[in-house]
Amino acid sequence: MSLNSIFQYFIPKDKKFFPLFEQDSANLIKLGEKLVEAVNTEDLARRKELFKDISDLEHTGDEITHQIHLELSKNFITPFDREDIHRLASAIDDIADYIHGSASRMDLYNLTIITPPIKELSNLILQACQDLHKAIHELRNLKNIRLIADSCVRINSIENQADYVFDKAVGDLFDNEKDAVNLIKYKEVLSALETATDMCEDAANVLESILVKNA
C-alpha cells in the first residue's frame, strides 16, 4: 500500500465534492440529451423550447460550479488535489457553456435546416458527457480505476472523431455553400459544437491526472 493510499484511508469520507461533481456531470447529460433532441426535431416551436431548456440547464450548471468553488474555499481537507478540483469544475462548466453556445447560435442565426454534421457532433457530445459522468461516479473510492481510464480513452477517441467530422463539414461548406452569410453561420455552429468535445477531453485529462496522483 502506498503512502498516499494510507493517508487517504484516514481522511474522512467526502460528503460535499463528490455529490456536487456527480450532479454537475449528470446535468451535462441532460444538456446533451436536450441538444440531440433539438437538432433532430423538425418542429421549430419544440426546438425553441429545447433551446430554452438548454439555457436553464446551463444556469443550473453555473450554480453547481459556484457551489464547488465555495466549498473549496471553506474546506482545508479535500478528497483530491485542490487544483484538480478547480480544473475539473472549470472543465465541466466549459462543456456546458459550449453546448449552450451551440444552441444559442442555432437559435439566434435562425438555422431551420440542421445538417448531418451538426447532428453527428451533437451525438458525439452526448456520448462524451455520458462517459464523463461514468468516470466521475467512480471517483468516490477509486476502486475501479480501469473504468475511469477506459472512459477517458473513449472521450479522447470521441474528440478525434469530432475533429474529423468538423474538418470534413467545413471543407464541404467551402466547396458547396455559395451564400457567404450561411457559410459563416454554419461554421460558427460547427466550431462551437467541436469545441464542446475539446472541453470534454480537457475534463478527461484532469481525471487522468487525478488517477496518476492517487494511484
N, C-alpha and C. Protein backbone atom coordinates (compact mmCIF):
# COMPACT_ATOMS: atom_id res chain seq x y z
N MET A 1 0.86 -1.20 0.00
CA MET A 1 0.00 0.00 0.00
C MET A 1 0.89 1.24 0.00
N SER A 2 0.59 2.18 -0.90
CA SER A 2 1.41 3.38 -1.00
C SER A 2 1.12 4.31 0.17
N LEU A 3 2.05 5.23 0.41
CA LEU A 3 1.89 6.22 1.47
C LEU A 3 0.64 7.05 1.23
N ASN A 4 0.41 7.38 -0.04
CA ASN A 4 -0.76 8.18 -0.38
C ASN A 4 -2.05 7.42 -0.06
N SER A 5 -2.07 6.11 -0.32
CA SER A 5 -3.25 5.31 -0.02
C SER A 5 -3.50 5.25 1.48
N ILE A 6 -2.43 5.14 2.26
CA ILE A 6 -2.56 5.12 3.72
C ILE A 6 -3.13 6.45 4.21
N PHE A 7 -2.61 7.55 3.63
CA PHE A 7 -3.09 8.87 4.01
C PHE A 7 -4.58 9.03 3.69
N GLN A 8 -4.96 8.54 2.48
CA GLN A 8 -6.36 8.65 2.06
C GLN A 8 -7.28 7.88 3.02
N TYR A 9 -6.75 6.78 3.60
CA TYR A 9 -7.55 5.95 4.49
C TYR A 9 -8.03 6.74 5.71
N PHE A 10 -7.19 7.65 6.19
CA PHE A 10 -7.50 8.41 7.40
C PHE A 10 -8.30 9.68 7.13
N ILE A 11 -8.45 10.06 5.84
CA ILE A 11 -9.24 11.25 5.52
C ILE A 11 -10.72 10.91 5.60
N PRO A 12 -11.52 11.73 6.28
CA PRO A 12 -12.96 11.46 6.37
C PRO A 12 -13.59 11.37 4.98
N LYS A 13 -14.58 10.48 4.82
CA LYS A 13 -15.24 10.33 3.54
C LYS A 13 -15.89 11.65 3.12
N ASP A 14 -15.62 12.04 1.88
CA ASP A 14 -16.14 13.31 1.39
C ASP A 14 -17.65 13.23 1.17
N LYS A 15 -18.37 14.23 1.68
CA LYS A 15 -19.82 14.28 1.52
C LYS A 15 -20.26 15.52 0.76
N LYS A 16 -19.30 16.25 0.21
CA LYS A 16 -19.64 17.50 -0.46
C LYS A 16 -19.20 17.52 -1.91
N PHE A 17 -17.92 17.31 -2.16
CA PHE A 17 -17.39 17.48 -3.51
C PHE A 17 -17.90 16.39 -4.47
N PHE A 18 -17.86 15.14 -4.05
CA PHE A 18 -18.28 14.08 -4.97
C PHE A 18 -19.75 14.21 -5.38
N PRO A 19 -20.67 14.45 -4.43
CA PRO A 19 -22.06 14.65 -4.85
C PRO A 19 -22.24 15.83 -5.81
N LEU A 20 -21.48 16.91 -5.56
CA LEU A 20 -21.59 18.09 -6.43
C LEU A 20 -21.07 17.78 -7.84
N PHE A 21 -19.94 17.07 -7.91
CA PHE A 21 -19.41 16.70 -9.23
C PHE A 21 -20.37 15.77 -9.96
N GLU A 22 -20.99 14.85 -9.23
CA GLU A 22 -21.93 13.93 -9.85
C GLU A 22 -23.17 14.67 -10.35
N GLN A 23 -23.63 15.65 -9.58
CA GLN A 23 -24.75 16.48 -10.03
C GLN A 23 -24.36 17.25 -11.29
N ASP A 24 -23.14 17.78 -11.28
CA ASP A 24 -22.67 18.59 -12.41
C ASP A 24 -22.56 17.76 -13.68
N SER A 25 -22.00 16.56 -13.57
CA SER A 25 -21.85 15.72 -14.76
C SER A 25 -23.19 15.15 -15.22
N ALA A 26 -24.10 14.88 -14.28
CA ALA A 26 -25.46 14.44 -14.65
C ALA A 26 -26.18 15.55 -15.39
N ASN A 27 -25.92 16.78 -14.99
CA ASN A 27 -26.52 17.94 -15.67
C ASN A 27 -26.01 18.04 -17.11
N LEU A 28 -24.74 17.67 -17.31
CA LEU A 28 -24.19 17.66 -18.67
C LEU A 28 -24.94 16.68 -19.56
N ILE A 29 -25.28 15.51 -19.02
CA ILE A 29 -26.03 14.53 -19.80
C ILE A 29 -27.38 15.11 -20.22
N LYS A 30 -28.03 15.79 -19.29
CA LYS A 30 -29.32 16.42 -19.63
C LYS A 30 -29.14 17.45 -20.75
N LEU A 31 -28.06 18.23 -20.65
CA LEU A 31 -27.77 19.21 -21.71
C LEU A 31 -27.56 18.52 -23.05
N GLY A 32 -26.76 17.44 -23.04
CA GLY A 32 -26.50 16.71 -24.27
C GLY A 32 -27.77 16.10 -24.85
N GLU A 33 -28.62 15.57 -23.99
CA GLU A 33 -29.88 14.96 -24.46
C GLU A 33 -30.80 16.02 -25.07
N LYS A 34 -30.89 17.18 -24.44
CA LYS A 34 -31.72 18.26 -24.99
C LYS A 34 -31.18 18.73 -26.34
N LEU A 35 -29.84 18.81 -26.45
CA LEU A 35 -29.22 19.24 -27.70
C LEU A 35 -29.53 18.24 -28.82
N VAL A 36 -29.36 16.96 -28.54
CA VAL A 36 -29.64 15.93 -29.54
C VAL A 36 -31.10 15.97 -29.96
N GLU A 37 -31.99 16.12 -29.00
CA GLU A 37 -33.42 16.21 -29.33
C GLU A 37 -33.70 17.44 -30.18
N ALA A 38 -33.07 18.55 -29.85
CA ALA A 38 -33.31 19.80 -30.57
C ALA A 38 -32.88 19.71 -32.03
N VAL A 39 -31.72 19.11 -32.28
CA VAL A 39 -31.22 19.07 -33.66
C VAL A 39 -31.92 17.99 -34.49
N ASN A 40 -32.67 17.11 -33.82
CA ASN A 40 -33.35 16.04 -34.55
C ASN A 40 -34.85 16.27 -34.73
N THR A 41 -35.38 17.33 -34.14
CA THR A 41 -36.80 17.61 -34.33
C THR A 41 -37.01 18.57 -35.49
N GLU A 42 -38.10 18.34 -36.22
CA GLU A 42 -38.46 19.23 -37.33
C GLU A 42 -39.44 20.30 -36.86
N ASP A 43 -39.94 20.14 -35.63
CA ASP A 43 -40.89 21.10 -35.06
C ASP A 43 -40.10 22.30 -34.53
N LEU A 44 -40.17 23.43 -35.23
CA LEU A 44 -39.37 24.60 -34.87
C LEU A 44 -39.76 25.18 -33.51
N ALA A 45 -41.05 25.09 -33.17
CA ALA A 45 -41.51 25.60 -31.87
C ALA A 45 -40.93 24.72 -30.76
N ARG A 46 -40.95 23.41 -30.97
CA ARG A 46 -40.38 22.48 -29.99
C ARG A 46 -38.88 22.70 -29.86
N ARG A 47 -38.22 22.93 -30.99
CA ARG A 47 -36.77 23.18 -30.95
C ARG A 47 -36.47 24.42 -30.11
N LYS A 48 -37.28 25.45 -30.27
CA LYS A 48 -37.06 26.67 -29.49
C LYS A 48 -37.25 26.40 -28.00
N GLU A 49 -38.23 25.57 -27.64
CA GLU A 49 -38.43 25.20 -26.24
C GLU A 49 -37.20 24.47 -25.68
N LEU A 50 -36.65 23.59 -26.51
CA LEU A 50 -35.48 22.82 -26.09
C LEU A 50 -34.26 23.73 -25.91
N PHE A 51 -34.13 24.73 -26.77
CA PHE A 51 -33.03 25.69 -26.61
C PHE A 51 -33.18 26.45 -25.30
N LYS A 52 -34.42 26.75 -24.92
CA LYS A 52 -34.67 27.41 -23.64
C LYS A 52 -34.31 26.48 -22.48
N ASP A 53 -34.66 25.20 -22.61
CA ASP A 53 -34.30 24.22 -21.59
C ASP A 53 -32.78 24.15 -21.42
N ILE A 54 -32.05 24.19 -22.55
CA ILE A 54 -30.59 24.15 -22.51
C ILE A 54 -30.04 25.36 -21.75
N SER A 55 -30.62 26.51 -22.00
CA SER A 55 -30.20 27.73 -21.29
C SER A 55 -30.42 27.58 -19.79
N ASP A 56 -31.57 27.03 -19.40
CA ASP A 56 -31.87 26.83 -17.98
C ASP A 56 -30.90 25.84 -17.33
N LEU A 57 -30.60 24.77 -18.06
CA LEU A 57 -29.67 23.77 -17.53
C LEU A 57 -28.25 24.32 -17.41
N GLU A 58 -27.87 25.20 -18.33
CA GLU A 58 -26.55 25.83 -18.24
C GLU A 58 -26.47 26.69 -16.98
N HIS A 59 -27.55 27.37 -16.64
CA HIS A 59 -27.58 28.17 -15.41
C HIS A 59 -27.49 27.26 -14.19
N THR A 60 -28.14 26.10 -14.26
CA THR A 60 -28.05 25.13 -13.16
C THR A 60 -26.60 24.70 -12.97
N GLY A 61 -25.91 24.44 -14.09
CA GLY A 61 -24.50 24.07 -14.02
C GLY A 61 -23.65 25.17 -13.41
N ASP A 62 -23.95 26.41 -13.75
CA ASP A 62 -23.22 27.55 -13.17
C ASP A 62 -23.36 27.57 -11.65
N GLU A 63 -24.57 27.28 -11.17
CA GLU A 63 -24.83 27.28 -9.73
C GLU A 63 -24.04 26.16 -9.03
N ILE A 64 -23.99 24.99 -9.67
CA ILE A 64 -23.24 23.87 -9.07
C ILE A 64 -21.75 24.19 -9.05
N THR A 65 -21.25 24.76 -10.15
CA THR A 65 -19.83 25.14 -10.21
C THR A 65 -19.50 26.16 -9.13
N HIS A 66 -20.38 27.13 -8.94
CA HIS A 66 -20.19 28.13 -7.89
C HIS A 66 -20.13 27.46 -6.52
N GLN A 67 -20.99 26.46 -6.30
CA GLN A 67 -21.02 25.77 -5.01
C GLN A 67 -19.73 24.98 -4.79
N ILE A 68 -19.20 24.38 -5.85
CA ILE A 68 -17.93 23.65 -5.73
C ILE A 68 -16.81 24.60 -5.33
N HIS A 69 -16.75 25.75 -5.98
CA HIS A 69 -15.71 26.73 -5.65
C HIS A 69 -15.89 27.27 -4.23
N LEU A 70 -17.14 27.41 -3.81
CA LEU A 70 -17.42 27.88 -2.46
C LEU A 70 -16.94 26.85 -1.43
N GLU A 71 -17.23 25.57 -1.68
CA GLU A 71 -16.77 24.51 -0.79
C GLU A 71 -15.25 24.43 -0.76
N LEU A 72 -14.63 24.71 -1.90
CA LEU A 72 -13.17 24.67 -1.98
C LEU A 72 -12.56 25.75 -1.09
N SER A 73 -13.22 26.90 -1.01
CA SER A 73 -12.70 28.00 -0.19
C SER A 73 -12.95 27.76 1.29
N LYS A 74 -13.91 26.89 1.62
CA LYS A 74 -14.29 26.67 3.02
C LYS A 74 -13.61 25.45 3.65
N ASN A 75 -13.15 24.51 2.79
CA ASN A 75 -12.63 23.24 3.32
C ASN A 75 -11.13 23.12 3.12
N PHE A 76 -10.45 22.83 4.22
CA PHE A 76 -8.99 22.66 4.16
C PHE A 76 -8.64 21.28 3.60
N ILE A 77 -9.39 20.26 4.05
CA ILE A 77 -9.14 18.89 3.58
C ILE A 77 -10.07 18.61 2.40
N THR A 78 -9.50 18.17 1.30
CA THR A 78 -10.28 17.86 0.10
C THR A 78 -9.98 16.42 -0.34
N PRO A 79 -10.90 15.78 -1.06
CA PRO A 79 -10.71 14.37 -1.43
C PRO A 79 -9.56 14.14 -2.41
N PHE A 80 -9.23 15.15 -3.19
CA PHE A 80 -8.05 15.10 -4.05
C PHE A 80 -7.53 16.51 -4.26
N ASP A 81 -6.45 16.64 -4.99
CA ASP A 81 -5.73 17.90 -5.14
C ASP A 81 -6.66 19.09 -5.41
N ARG A 82 -6.46 20.17 -4.67
CA ARG A 82 -7.33 21.34 -4.80
C ARG A 82 -7.32 21.91 -6.22
N GLU A 83 -6.14 21.93 -6.82
CA GLU A 83 -6.03 22.44 -8.19
C GLU A 83 -6.83 21.59 -9.16
N ASP A 84 -6.82 20.27 -8.95
CA ASP A 84 -7.58 19.37 -9.82
C ASP A 84 -9.08 19.55 -9.62
N ILE A 85 -9.51 19.82 -8.39
CA ILE A 85 -10.92 20.12 -8.15
C ILE A 85 -11.33 21.35 -8.94
N HIS A 86 -10.50 22.38 -8.87
CA HIS A 86 -10.79 23.62 -9.60
C HIS A 86 -10.79 23.37 -11.10
N ARG A 87 -9.81 22.63 -11.60
CA ARG A 87 -9.69 22.36 -13.04
C ARG A 87 -10.87 21.53 -13.54
N LEU A 88 -11.28 20.52 -12.77
CA LEU A 88 -12.39 19.67 -13.19
C LEU A 88 -13.70 20.45 -13.20
N ALA A 89 -13.92 21.25 -12.17
CA ALA A 89 -15.14 22.07 -12.12
C ALA A 89 -15.18 23.04 -13.30
N SER A 90 -14.04 23.65 -13.61
CA SER A 90 -13.97 24.61 -14.72
C SER A 90 -14.19 23.92 -16.06
N ALA A 91 -13.63 22.71 -16.21
CA ALA A 91 -13.79 21.97 -17.47
C ALA A 91 -15.25 21.60 -17.70
N ILE A 92 -15.92 21.13 -16.64
CA ILE A 92 -17.34 20.78 -16.76
C ILE A 92 -18.16 22.02 -17.11
N ASP A 93 -17.82 23.13 -16.48
CA ASP A 93 -18.52 24.38 -16.75
C ASP A 93 -18.32 24.80 -18.21
N ASP A 94 -17.11 24.60 -18.73
CA ASP A 94 -16.82 24.95 -20.12
C ASP A 94 -17.63 24.10 -21.09
N ILE A 95 -17.79 22.81 -20.79
CA ILE A 95 -18.60 21.94 -21.64
C ILE A 95 -20.03 22.47 -21.73
N ALA A 96 -20.59 22.78 -20.56
CA ALA A 96 -21.95 23.32 -20.52
C ALA A 96 -22.05 24.63 -21.29
N ASP A 97 -21.04 25.47 -21.16
CA ASP A 97 -21.04 26.76 -21.86
C ASP A 97 -21.07 26.58 -23.37
N TYR A 98 -20.28 25.63 -23.87
CA TYR A 98 -20.21 25.45 -25.33
C TYR A 98 -21.43 24.72 -25.88
N ILE A 99 -22.04 23.84 -25.09
CA ILE A 99 -23.32 23.25 -25.52
C ILE A 99 -24.36 24.36 -25.62
N HIS A 100 -24.41 25.19 -24.59
CA HIS A 100 -25.34 26.32 -24.60
C HIS A 100 -25.03 27.28 -25.74
N GLY A 101 -23.72 27.54 -25.95
CA GLY A 101 -23.33 28.44 -27.02
C GLY A 101 -23.73 27.92 -28.39
N SER A 102 -23.61 26.61 -28.59
CA SER A 102 -24.01 26.00 -29.86
C SER A 102 -25.51 26.19 -30.08
N ALA A 103 -26.29 25.89 -29.05
CA ALA A 103 -27.75 26.03 -29.16
C ALA A 103 -28.14 27.49 -29.39
N SER A 104 -27.47 28.38 -28.69
CA SER A 104 -27.77 29.82 -28.84
C SER A 104 -27.50 30.30 -30.26
N ARG A 105 -26.40 29.83 -30.84
CA ARG A 105 -26.08 30.23 -32.22
C ARG A 105 -27.13 29.72 -33.20
N MET A 106 -27.54 28.46 -33.02
CA MET A 106 -28.57 27.91 -33.90
C MET A 106 -29.87 28.73 -33.80
N ASP A 107 -30.18 29.13 -32.58
CA ASP A 107 -31.40 29.90 -32.34
C ASP A 107 -31.27 31.31 -32.90
N LEU A 108 -30.20 32.01 -32.57
CA LEU A 108 -30.02 33.40 -32.99
C LEU A 108 -29.82 33.53 -34.50
N TYR A 109 -29.17 32.52 -35.11
CA TYR A 109 -28.91 32.57 -36.55
C TYR A 109 -30.08 32.02 -37.36
N ASN A 110 -31.16 31.58 -36.66
CA ASN A 110 -32.34 31.04 -37.33
C ASN A 110 -31.99 29.90 -38.28
N LEU A 111 -31.22 28.95 -37.78
CA LEU A 111 -30.86 27.78 -38.58
C LEU A 111 -32.03 26.79 -38.59
N THR A 112 -32.85 26.87 -39.61
CA THR A 112 -34.01 25.98 -39.70
C THR A 112 -33.61 24.61 -40.24
N ILE A 113 -32.58 24.59 -41.10
CA ILE A 113 -32.09 23.33 -41.65
C ILE A 113 -30.89 22.85 -40.83
N ILE A 114 -31.05 21.72 -40.17
CA ILE A 114 -29.97 21.15 -39.36
C ILE A 114 -29.26 20.09 -40.20
N THR A 115 -27.99 20.30 -40.44
CA THR A 115 -27.24 19.42 -41.32
C THR A 115 -26.77 18.15 -40.59
N PRO A 116 -26.48 17.06 -41.35
CA PRO A 116 -25.99 15.83 -40.73
C PRO A 116 -24.76 16.02 -39.84
N PRO A 117 -23.76 16.86 -40.22
CA PRO A 117 -22.61 17.04 -39.32
C PRO A 117 -22.99 17.66 -37.97
N ILE A 118 -23.97 18.56 -37.96
CA ILE A 118 -24.42 19.14 -36.70
C ILE A 118 -25.04 18.06 -35.82
N LYS A 119 -25.84 17.19 -36.45
CA LYS A 119 -26.46 16.08 -35.70
C LYS A 119 -25.38 15.12 -35.18
N GLU A 120 -24.41 14.83 -36.03
CA GLU A 120 -23.36 13.89 -35.64
C GLU A 120 -22.52 14.44 -34.49
N LEU A 121 -22.16 15.72 -34.57
CA LEU A 121 -21.38 16.33 -33.48
C LEU A 121 -22.18 16.37 -32.18
N SER A 122 -23.47 16.63 -32.28
CA SER A 122 -24.33 16.64 -31.10
C SER A 122 -24.37 15.27 -30.44
N ASN A 123 -24.46 14.22 -31.25
CA ASN A 123 -24.45 12.86 -30.71
C ASN A 123 -23.11 12.55 -30.03
N LEU A 124 -22.02 13.00 -30.62
CA LEU A 124 -20.70 12.76 -30.03
C LEU A 124 -20.55 13.49 -28.69
N ILE A 125 -21.10 14.69 -28.61
CA ILE A 125 -21.07 15.44 -27.34
C ILE A 125 -21.81 14.67 -26.26
N LEU A 126 -22.99 14.16 -26.60
CA LEU A 126 -23.77 13.39 -25.62
C LEU A 126 -23.00 12.15 -25.16
N GLN A 127 -22.39 11.44 -26.11
CA GLN A 127 -21.60 10.25 -25.75
C GLN A 127 -20.46 10.61 -24.80
N ALA A 128 -19.77 11.71 -25.09
CA ALA A 128 -18.66 12.13 -24.24
C ALA A 128 -19.14 12.50 -22.84
N CYS A 129 -20.28 13.18 -22.77
CA CYS A 129 -20.84 13.56 -21.46
C CYS A 129 -21.25 12.33 -20.66
N GLN A 130 -21.78 11.31 -21.33
CA GLN A 130 -22.16 10.07 -20.64
C GLN A 130 -20.93 9.36 -20.08
N ASP A 131 -19.86 9.32 -20.87
CA ASP A 131 -18.63 8.69 -20.40
C ASP A 131 -18.00 9.48 -19.26
N LEU A 132 -18.08 10.80 -19.35
CA LEU A 132 -17.53 11.64 -18.28
C LEU A 132 -18.27 11.41 -16.98
N HIS A 133 -19.59 11.29 -17.06
CA HIS A 133 -20.39 11.05 -15.86
C HIS A 133 -20.04 9.70 -15.23
N LYS A 134 -19.86 8.66 -16.07
CA LYS A 134 -19.47 7.35 -15.56
C LYS A 134 -18.14 7.43 -14.80
N ALA A 135 -17.19 8.15 -15.39
CA ALA A 135 -15.86 8.26 -14.78
C ALA A 135 -15.93 9.01 -13.46
N ILE A 136 -16.67 10.10 -13.43
CA ILE A 136 -16.77 10.92 -12.21
C ILE A 136 -17.48 10.13 -11.11
N HIS A 137 -18.44 9.31 -11.48
CA HIS A 137 -19.14 8.49 -10.48
C HIS A 137 -18.18 7.52 -9.79
N GLU A 138 -17.15 7.08 -10.52
CA GLU A 138 -16.20 6.13 -9.96
C GLU A 138 -15.11 6.80 -9.12
N LEU A 139 -15.09 8.13 -9.10
CA LEU A 139 -14.05 8.84 -8.35
C LEU A 139 -14.19 8.68 -6.83
N ARG A 140 -15.37 8.32 -6.37
CA ARG A 140 -15.65 8.28 -4.93
C ARG A 140 -14.67 7.40 -4.16
N ASN A 141 -14.36 6.23 -4.73
CA ASN A 141 -13.47 5.34 -3.97
C ASN A 141 -12.24 4.90 -4.76
N LEU A 142 -12.20 5.22 -6.05
CA LEU A 142 -11.05 4.89 -6.91
C LEU A 142 -10.74 3.39 -6.93
N LYS A 143 -11.78 2.57 -6.70
CA LYS A 143 -11.57 1.12 -6.76
C LYS A 143 -11.59 0.62 -8.20
N ASN A 144 -12.35 1.33 -9.04
CA ASN A 144 -12.48 0.91 -10.43
C ASN A 144 -11.70 1.85 -11.34
N ILE A 145 -10.41 1.88 -11.12
CA ILE A 145 -9.54 2.76 -11.89
C ILE A 145 -9.63 2.46 -13.38
N ARG A 146 -9.75 1.16 -13.73
CA ARG A 146 -9.82 0.76 -15.13
C ARG A 146 -11.05 1.37 -15.81
N LEU A 147 -12.18 1.43 -15.10
CA LEU A 147 -13.39 2.01 -15.68
C LEU A 147 -13.21 3.50 -15.97
N ILE A 148 -12.54 4.19 -15.05
CA ILE A 148 -12.27 5.62 -15.26
C ILE A 148 -11.34 5.81 -16.45
N ALA A 149 -10.27 5.02 -16.48
CA ALA A 149 -9.30 5.12 -17.57
C ALA A 149 -9.95 4.81 -18.92
N ASP A 150 -10.80 3.77 -18.95
CA ASP A 150 -11.48 3.40 -20.20
C ASP A 150 -12.40 4.52 -20.68
N SER A 151 -13.10 5.15 -19.75
CA SER A 151 -13.97 6.27 -20.11
C SER A 151 -13.16 7.43 -20.70
N CYS A 152 -12.00 7.68 -20.11
CA CYS A 152 -11.14 8.75 -20.60
C CYS A 152 -10.63 8.44 -22.01
N VAL A 153 -10.30 7.18 -22.26
CA VAL A 153 -9.84 6.77 -23.60
C VAL A 153 -10.97 6.98 -24.61
N ARG A 154 -12.19 6.60 -24.23
CA ARG A 154 -13.33 6.77 -25.15
C ARG A 154 -13.58 8.24 -25.44
N ILE A 155 -13.45 9.08 -24.42
CA ILE A 155 -13.65 10.52 -24.62
C ILE A 155 -12.61 11.07 -25.59
N ASN A 156 -11.37 10.64 -25.43
CA ASN A 156 -10.32 11.08 -26.36
C ASN A 156 -10.62 10.63 -27.78
N SER A 157 -11.13 9.41 -27.92
CA SER A 157 -11.50 8.89 -29.24
C SER A 157 -12.66 9.69 -29.84
N ILE A 158 -13.63 10.02 -29.00
CA ILE A 158 -14.78 10.82 -29.45
C ILE A 158 -14.32 12.19 -29.94
N GLU A 159 -13.37 12.78 -29.22
CA GLU A 159 -12.86 14.10 -29.63
C GLU A 159 -12.17 14.01 -30.99
N ASN A 160 -11.44 12.91 -31.22
CA ASN A 160 -10.79 12.72 -32.52
C ASN A 160 -11.83 12.56 -33.64
N GLN A 161 -12.91 11.83 -33.35
CA GLN A 161 -13.99 11.70 -34.33
C GLN A 161 -14.62 13.05 -34.63
N ALA A 162 -14.81 13.85 -33.58
CA ALA A 162 -15.41 15.17 -33.74
C ALA A 162 -14.52 16.08 -34.61
N ASP A 163 -13.21 15.98 -34.41
CA ASP A 163 -12.28 16.75 -35.26
C ASP A 163 -12.48 16.41 -36.73
N TYR A 164 -12.59 15.10 -37.02
CA TYR A 164 -12.75 14.65 -38.40
C TYR A 164 -14.07 15.17 -38.99
N VAL A 165 -15.16 15.01 -38.21
CA VAL A 165 -16.48 15.47 -38.67
C VAL A 165 -16.45 16.97 -38.94
N PHE A 166 -15.84 17.71 -38.02
CA PHE A 166 -15.76 19.17 -38.17
C PHE A 166 -14.96 19.57 -39.41
N ASP A 167 -13.78 19.00 -39.55
CA ASP A 167 -12.92 19.35 -40.68
C ASP A 167 -13.60 19.04 -42.01
N LYS A 168 -14.23 17.87 -42.11
CA LYS A 168 -14.91 17.49 -43.35
C LYS A 168 -16.10 18.41 -43.62
N ALA A 169 -16.86 18.73 -42.56
CA ALA A 169 -18.04 19.59 -42.72
C ALA A 169 -17.64 20.98 -43.19
N VAL A 170 -16.57 21.53 -42.62
CA VAL A 170 -16.11 22.86 -43.03
C VAL A 170 -15.59 22.82 -44.46
N GLY A 171 -14.88 21.74 -44.81
CA GLY A 171 -14.40 21.58 -46.19
C GLY A 171 -15.56 21.55 -47.17
N ASP A 172 -16.62 20.81 -46.82
CA ASP A 172 -17.80 20.75 -47.68
C ASP A 172 -18.49 22.10 -47.79
N LEU A 173 -18.51 22.84 -46.68
CA LEU A 173 -19.10 24.18 -46.71
C LEU A 173 -18.39 25.07 -47.72
N PHE A 174 -17.06 25.09 -47.65
CA PHE A 174 -16.29 25.93 -48.56
C PHE A 174 -16.45 25.50 -50.02
N ASP A 175 -16.67 24.20 -50.23
CA ASP A 175 -16.82 23.69 -51.59
C ASP A 175 -18.20 23.95 -52.17
N ASN A 176 -19.23 23.89 -51.31
CA ASN A 176 -20.60 23.85 -51.83
C ASN A 176 -21.49 25.03 -51.44
N GLU A 177 -21.19 25.71 -50.33
CA GLU A 177 -22.05 26.81 -49.89
C GLU A 177 -21.66 28.11 -50.59
N LYS A 178 -22.59 28.63 -51.39
CA LYS A 178 -22.31 29.84 -52.16
C LYS A 178 -22.72 31.12 -51.44
N ASP A 179 -23.57 30.97 -50.44
CA ASP A 179 -24.02 32.13 -49.66
C ASP A 179 -23.02 32.35 -48.50
N ALA A 180 -22.31 33.45 -48.54
CA ALA A 180 -21.26 33.72 -47.54
C ALA A 180 -21.83 33.82 -46.12
N VAL A 181 -23.02 34.39 -45.99
CA VAL A 181 -23.63 34.54 -44.66
C VAL A 181 -23.96 33.16 -44.08
N ASN A 182 -24.55 32.30 -44.90
CA ASN A 182 -24.86 30.94 -44.44
C ASN A 182 -23.59 30.18 -44.08
N LEU A 183 -22.56 30.37 -44.87
CA LEU A 183 -21.28 29.70 -44.59
C LEU A 183 -20.77 30.07 -43.20
N ILE A 184 -20.81 31.36 -42.89
CA ILE A 184 -20.34 31.84 -41.59
C ILE A 184 -21.20 31.28 -40.46
N LYS A 185 -22.53 31.29 -40.66
CA LYS A 185 -23.45 30.78 -39.63
C LYS A 185 -23.15 29.32 -39.29
N TYR A 186 -23.08 28.49 -40.33
CA TYR A 186 -22.88 27.07 -40.09
C TYR A 186 -21.49 26.78 -39.53
N LYS A 187 -20.51 27.51 -40.01
CA LYS A 187 -19.15 27.30 -39.49
C LYS A 187 -19.08 27.66 -38.00
N GLU A 188 -19.75 28.73 -37.59
CA GLU A 188 -19.77 29.13 -36.18
C GLU A 188 -20.41 28.06 -35.30
N VAL A 189 -21.53 27.51 -35.77
CA VAL A 189 -22.22 26.47 -35.01
C VAL A 189 -21.35 25.21 -34.91
N LEU A 190 -20.79 24.80 -36.03
CA LEU A 190 -19.92 23.62 -36.05
C LEU A 190 -18.72 23.79 -35.12
N SER A 191 -18.15 24.99 -35.14
CA SER A 191 -16.99 25.28 -34.31
C SER A 191 -17.33 25.18 -32.82
N ALA A 192 -18.48 25.71 -32.42
CA ALA A 192 -18.90 25.65 -31.01
C ALA A 192 -19.14 24.20 -30.58
N LEU A 193 -19.75 23.42 -31.46
CA LEU A 193 -20.00 22.01 -31.15
C LEU A 193 -18.69 21.23 -31.00
N GLU A 194 -17.77 21.46 -31.94
CA GLU A 194 -16.48 20.76 -31.87
C GLU A 194 -15.70 21.16 -30.63
N THR A 195 -15.78 22.43 -30.25
CA THR A 195 -15.07 22.90 -29.06
C THR A 195 -15.64 22.25 -27.80
N ALA A 196 -16.93 21.96 -27.79
CA ALA A 196 -17.54 21.27 -26.64
C ALA A 196 -16.87 19.91 -26.43
N THR A 197 -16.54 19.21 -27.54
CA THR A 197 -15.84 17.92 -27.40
C THR A 197 -14.40 18.13 -26.92
N ASP A 198 -13.78 19.24 -27.32
CA ASP A 198 -12.45 19.58 -26.79
C ASP A 198 -12.49 19.74 -25.28
N MET A 199 -13.54 20.39 -24.79
CA MET A 199 -13.68 20.60 -23.35
C MET A 199 -13.91 19.28 -22.61
N CYS A 200 -14.61 18.35 -23.27
CA CYS A 200 -14.79 17.02 -22.68
C CYS A 200 -13.44 16.33 -22.54
N GLU A 201 -12.58 16.49 -23.56
CA GLU A 201 -11.24 15.91 -23.49
C GLU A 201 -10.43 16.57 -22.38
N ASP A 202 -10.59 17.88 -22.20
CA ASP A 202 -9.90 18.57 -21.10
C ASP A 202 -10.30 17.97 -19.74
N ALA A 203 -11.60 17.72 -19.58
CA ALA A 203 -12.09 17.13 -18.33
C ALA A 203 -11.51 15.73 -18.14
N ALA A 204 -11.43 14.97 -19.23
CA ALA A 204 -10.84 13.62 -19.15
C ALA A 204 -9.37 13.69 -18.76
N ASN A 205 -8.67 14.69 -19.26
CA ASN A 205 -7.25 14.87 -18.91
C ASN A 205 -7.09 15.15 -17.42
N VAL A 206 -8.02 15.92 -16.85
CA VAL A 206 -7.97 16.19 -15.41
C VAL A 206 -8.19 14.88 -14.63
N LEU A 207 -9.15 14.08 -15.09
CA LEU A 207 -9.41 12.80 -14.42
C LEU A 207 -8.19 11.89 -14.47
N GLU A 208 -7.50 11.88 -15.60
CA GLU A 208 -6.29 11.08 -15.72
C GLU A 208 -5.21 11.58 -14.77
N SER A 209 -5.12 12.90 -14.60
CA SER A 209 -4.17 13.48 -13.66
C SER A 209 -4.49 13.05 -12.23
N ILE A 210 -5.77 13.01 -11.90
CA ILE A 210 -6.19 12.57 -10.56
C ILE A 210 -5.82 11.11 -10.33
N LEU A 211 -6.01 10.28 -11.37
CA LEU A 211 -5.65 8.86 -11.26
C LEU A 211 -4.16 8.69 -10.99
N VAL A 212 -3.34 9.43 -11.72
CA VAL A 212 -1.88 9.34 -11.54
C VAL A 212 -1.47 9.73 -10.13
N LYS A 213 -2.05 10.80 -9.61
CA LYS A 213 -1.68 11.30 -8.29
C LYS A 213 -2.17 10.41 -7.16
N ASN A 214 -3.24 9.65 -7.42
CA ASN A 214 -3.84 8.84 -6.35
C ASN A 214 -3.65 7.35 -6.55
N ALA A 215 -2.80 6.99 -7.52
CA ALA A 215 -2.57 5.56 -7.78
C ALA A 215 -1.83 4.91 -6.63
